[in-house]
Amino acid sequence: MTSSEQARVLRRPGGWPVRRAPRWVLLAVAAFLLAGVAVALVHKPSTAERASDMRGFLQEVTSDIESCSAGVGESLTALHAVQAERVSNATDVSDGISVARQGAANCAPANNEQIDNLENYQLPESLDSFRLIGAVSDLVTWAAPDAERVQSDVAALLSATAAPARSTRQAVLSRDLAALNAERAAIDNSISKAIRAMTMHASPPRLAG
């Protein structure tokens, strides 16, 4: 064996010779990997692919937020029912407080797996240009802390017995409800833009408020 051949041969601990991979093989592998990356970069999703991903997105976020949203609706309905009565029924008040407190707890990611899923949602790459990840973040904020606060406010208002306390807590509820509805408007606007861009027949998640 010549000295140049010896330079191309490695020895294992056991003494078996192992030849280095030929240079052309390494270059071919590198070229193959680069070609794969280039194809991935230039690939543009079709309209059908985007529409399919958008439908999946809407289904996922609607499913994740619906239980929290339902609780907000039930809490406000209970409050309005009590406020509509000239003489408050103690049972209705107690039930309303319970509904609102349970609803507030259910909107916390720690207590609701669906909200936790929403926090960790991965947006399909085909929808990146619509910046919908911001809408997902806003949905989480809508639930926690906004929806939590509103329902806690409802429970506090129903628990108040003196007129001054009720007035103060009503003002707090009105402020937090306005923040909840402003967040909902931002979410609707962002998702509706993407829906219109794809000329789809769909709607953003329905959020109570």
Protein backbone atom coordinates (compact mmCIF):
# COMPACT_ATOMS: atom_id res chain seq x y z
CA MET A 1 0.00 0.00 0.00
CA THR A 2 1.36 3.36 -0.98
CA SER A 3 1.68 6.25 1.46
CA SER A 4 -1.24 8.08 -0.24
CA GLU A 5 -3.49 5.04 0.18
CA GLN A 6 -2.50 4.77 3.82
CA ALA A 7 -3.52 8.39 4.35
CA ARG A 8 -7.05 7.59 3.10
CA VAL A 9 -7.53 4.65 5.45
CA LEU A 10 -8.55 4.86 9.10
CA ARG A 11 -8.04 2.06 11.57
CA ARG A 12 -10.72 0.94 14.03
CA PRO A 13 -9.59 -0.15 17.50
CA GLY A 14 -9.86 -3.74 16.31
CA GLY A 15 -7.63 -3.11 13.34
CA TRP A 16 -10.25 -3.27 10.54
CA PRO A 17 -9.63 -0.67 7.85
CA VAL A 18 -12.41 1.89 7.19
CA ARG A 19 -12.20 3.98 4.07
CA ARG A 20 -13.28 7.60 4.10
CA ALA A 21 -16.38 8.42 2.05
CA PRO A 22 -15.34 9.67 -1.35
CA ARG A 23 -15.45 13.45 -1.70
CA TRP A 24 -18.00 13.26 -4.50
CA VAL A 25 -20.42 11.40 -2.22
CA LEU A 26 -20.25 14.14 0.39
CA LEU A 27 -20.77 16.79 -2.25
CA ALA A 28 -23.76 14.90 -3.67
CA VAL A 29 -25.39 14.62 -0.23
CA ALA A 30 -24.86 18.33 0.42
CA ALA A 31 -26.35 19.22 -2.96
CA PHE A 32 -29.36 17.00 -2.29
CA LEU A 33 -30.02 18.67 1.08
CA LEU A 34 -29.68 22.14 -0.42
CA ALA A 35 -32.10 21.23 -3.20
CA GLY A 36 -34.64 20.03 -0.63
CA VAL A 37 -34.39 23.27 1.33
CA ALA A 38 -34.74 25.32 -1.86
CA VAL A 39 -37.88 23.44 -2.88
CA ALA A 40 -39.40 23.98 0.57
CA LEU A 41 -38.64 27.71 0.41
CA VAL A 42 -40.17 28.28 -3.01
CA HIS A 43 -43.26 26.15 -2.40
CA LYS A 44 -46.36 28.27 -2.12
CA PRO A 45 -49.54 26.73 -0.72
CA SER A 46 -52.46 26.57 -3.11
CA THR A 47 -55.75 28.36 -2.47
CA ALA A 48 -57.34 25.01 -1.64
CA GLU A 49 -54.60 24.23 0.90
CA ARG A 50 -55.00 27.60 2.57
CA ALA A 51 -58.78 27.26 2.69
CA SER A 52 -58.47 23.81 4.25
CA ASP A 53 -56.00 25.09 6.84
CA MET A 54 -58.27 28.07 7.56
CA ARG A 55 -61.25 25.81 8.18
CA GLY A 56 -59.12 23.74 10.53
CA PHE A 57 -57.96 26.90 12.30
CA LEU A 58 -61.52 28.15 12.80
CA GLN A 59 -62.70 24.78 14.04
CA GLU A 60 -59.83 24.53 16.53
CA VAL A 61 -60.03 28.02 18.03
CA THR A 62 -63.83 27.92 18.19
CA SER A 63 -63.73 24.61 20.04
CA ASP A 64 -61.08 25.89 22.45
CA ILE A 65 -62.88 29.12 23.38
CA GLU A 66 -66.53 28.03 23.36
CA SER A 67 -66.82 26.74 26.93
CA CYS A 68 -65.35 29.97 28.36
CA SER A 69 -67.57 32.06 26.11
CA ALA A 70 -70.64 30.07 27.16
CA GLY A 71 -69.85 30.79 30.79
CA VAL A 72 -69.68 34.54 30.11
CA GLY A 73 -73.07 34.41 28.42
CA GLU A 74 -74.62 32.45 31.28
CA SER A 75 -73.16 34.80 33.90
CA LEU A 76 -74.49 37.93 32.19
CA THR A 77 -77.88 36.30 31.62
CA ALA A 78 -78.11 35.44 35.33
CA LEU A 79 -77.20 39.01 36.27
CA HIS A 80 -79.76 40.54 33.93
CA ALA A 81 -82.45 38.19 35.23
CA VAL A 82 -81.81 39.28 38.83
CA GLN A 83 -81.63 42.98 37.89
CA ALA A 84 -84.94 42.73 36.01
CA GLU A 85 -86.78 41.64 39.15
CA ARG A 86 -88.20 44.33 41.44
CA VAL A 87 -87.56 42.16 44.47
CA SER A 88 -84.48 39.96 44.16
CA ASN A 89 -85.05 36.29 44.79
CA ALA A 90 -82.36 34.98 47.15
CA THR A 91 -82.15 31.67 45.28
CA ASP A 92 -81.69 33.41 41.92
CA VAL A 93 -78.96 35.60 43.40
CA SER A 94 -77.17 32.63 44.95
CA ASP A 95 -77.42 30.67 41.70
CA GLY A 96 -76.13 33.65 39.72
CA ILE A 97 -73.12 34.05 41.99
CA SER A 98 -72.32 30.35 41.64
CA VAL A 99 -72.61 30.45 37.84
CA ALA A 100 -70.35 33.50 37.60
CA ARG A 101 -67.68 32.11 39.91
CA GLN A 102 -67.61 28.77 38.11
CA GLY A 103 -67.47 30.56 34.77
CA ALA A 104 -64.54 32.72 35.88
CA ALA A 105 -62.62 29.66 37.05
CA ASN A 106 -63.36 27.86 33.78
CA CYS A 107 -61.73 30.62 31.72
CA ALA A 108 -58.36 30.16 33.47
CA PRO A 109 -55.83 28.09 31.47
CA ALA A 110 -54.93 26.20 34.65
CA ASN A 111 -58.52 24.97 34.97
CA ASN A 112 -59.51 24.58 31.33
CA GLU A 113 -57.52 22.31 29.02
CA GLN A 114 -59.07 23.97 25.97
CA ILE A 115 -57.72 27.39 26.94
CA ASP A 116 -54.36 25.78 27.66
CA ASN A 117 -54.46 24.24 24.16
CA LEU A 118 -55.18 27.67 22.73
CA GLU A 119 -52.10 29.08 24.46
CA ASN A 120 -49.95 26.45 22.73
CA TYR A 121 -51.68 26.47 19.33
CA GLN A 122 -49.35 26.19 16.32
CA LEU A 123 -50.62 28.14 13.32
CA PRO A 124 -50.29 26.36 9.93
CA GLU A 125 -47.47 27.89 7.86
CA SER A 126 -49.85 28.51 4.96
CA LEU A 127 -51.68 31.08 7.11
CA ASP A 128 -48.59 32.98 8.29
CA SER A 129 -49.19 35.89 5.93
CA PHE A 130 -52.56 36.63 7.57
CA ARG A 131 -50.89 37.16 10.97
CA LEU A 132 -53.53 35.08 12.69
CA ILE A 133 -51.19 34.18 15.52
CA GLY A 134 -52.05 37.63 16.88
CA ALA A 135 -55.74 36.69 16.87
CA VAL A 136 -54.92 33.51 18.80
CA SER A 137 -53.04 35.54 21.39
CA ASP A 138 -55.99 37.94 21.63
CA LEU A 139 -58.37 35.00 22.16
CA VAL A 140 -56.28 33.86 25.11
CA THR A 141 -56.36 37.40 26.53
CA TRP A 142 -60.12 37.55 25.94
CA ALA A 143 -60.47 34.48 28.14
CA ALA A 144 -57.78 35.22 30.69
CA PRO A 145 -57.87 37.73 32.20
CA ASP A 146 -60.75 39.61 30.50
CA ALA A 147 -63.56 37.02 30.72
CA GLU A 148 -62.35 35.98 34.18
CA ARG A 149 -62.63 39.58 35.40
CA VAL A 150 -66.08 40.13 33.94
CA GLN A 151 -67.50 37.04 35.58
CA SER A 152 -65.81 37.81 38.88
CA ASP A 153 -67.36 41.29 38.62
CA VAL A 154 -70.78 39.73 38.10
CA ALA A 155 -70.35 37.59 41.22
CA ALA A 156 -69.20 40.63 43.22
CA LEU A 157 -72.12 42.75 42.01
CA LEU A 158 -74.66 40.06 42.86
CA SER A 159 -73.06 39.69 46.29
CA ALA A 160 -73.38 43.41 47.09
CA THR A 161 -76.28 44.30 49.38
CA ALA A 162 -75.85 48.05 49.88
CA ALA A 163 -76.65 50.52 47.12
CA PRO A 164 -73.22 52.29 47.18
CA ALA A 165 -71.42 48.96 46.86
CA ARG A 166 -73.66 47.90 43.99
CA SER A 167 -73.01 51.19 42.21
CA THR A 168 -69.24 50.82 42.56
CA ARG A 169 -69.23 47.22 41.40
CA GLN A 170 -71.50 48.01 38.47
CA ALA A 171 -68.99 50.63 37.33
CA VAL A 172 -66.15 48.09 37.55
CA LEU A 173 -68.19 45.57 35.58
CA SER A 174 -68.98 48.13 32.87
CA ARG A 175 -65.28 48.98 32.53
CA ASP A 176 -64.18 45.36 32.30
CA LEU A 177 -67.02 44.48 29.94
CA ALA A 178 -65.91 47.29 27.63
CA ALA A 179 -62.37 45.82 27.60
CA LEU A 180 -63.78 42.36 26.85
CA ASN A 181 -65.82 43.69 23.93
CA ALA A 182 -62.89 45.71 22.56
CA GLU A 183 -60.78 42.54 22.52
CA ARG A 184 -63.59 40.70 20.75
CA ALA A 185 -63.77 43.43 18.09
CA ALA A 186 -60.03 43.12 17.44
CA ILE A 187 -60.33 39.34 17.12
CA ASP A 188 -63.31 39.57 14.76
CA ASN A 189 -61.53 42.13 12.59
CA SER A 190 -58.34 40.08 12.26
CA ILE A 191 -60.04 36.77 11.48
CA SER A 192 -62.66 38.33 9.21
CA LYS A 193 -59.91 39.88 7.06
CA ALA A 194 -58.40 36.45 6.45
CA ILE A 195 -61.81 34.95 5.67
CA ARG A 196 -62.56 37.70 3.16
CA ALA A 197 -59.14 37.35 1.55
CA MET A 198 -59.92 33.70 0.83
CA THR A 199 -63.56 34.41 -0.14
CA MET A 200 -64.74 31.79 2.32
CA HIS A 201 -68.21 31.41 3.81
CA ALA A 202 -67.21 31.31 7.47
CA SER A 203 -67.29 33.38 10.64
CA PRO A 204 -64.96 34.10 13.57
CA PRO A 205 -65.67 32.34 16.88
CA ARG A 206 -68.80 33.67 18.60
CA LEU A 207 -67.77 35.41 21.80
CA ALA A 208 -70.25 36.45 24.46
CA GLY A 209 -70.26 39.97 25.83
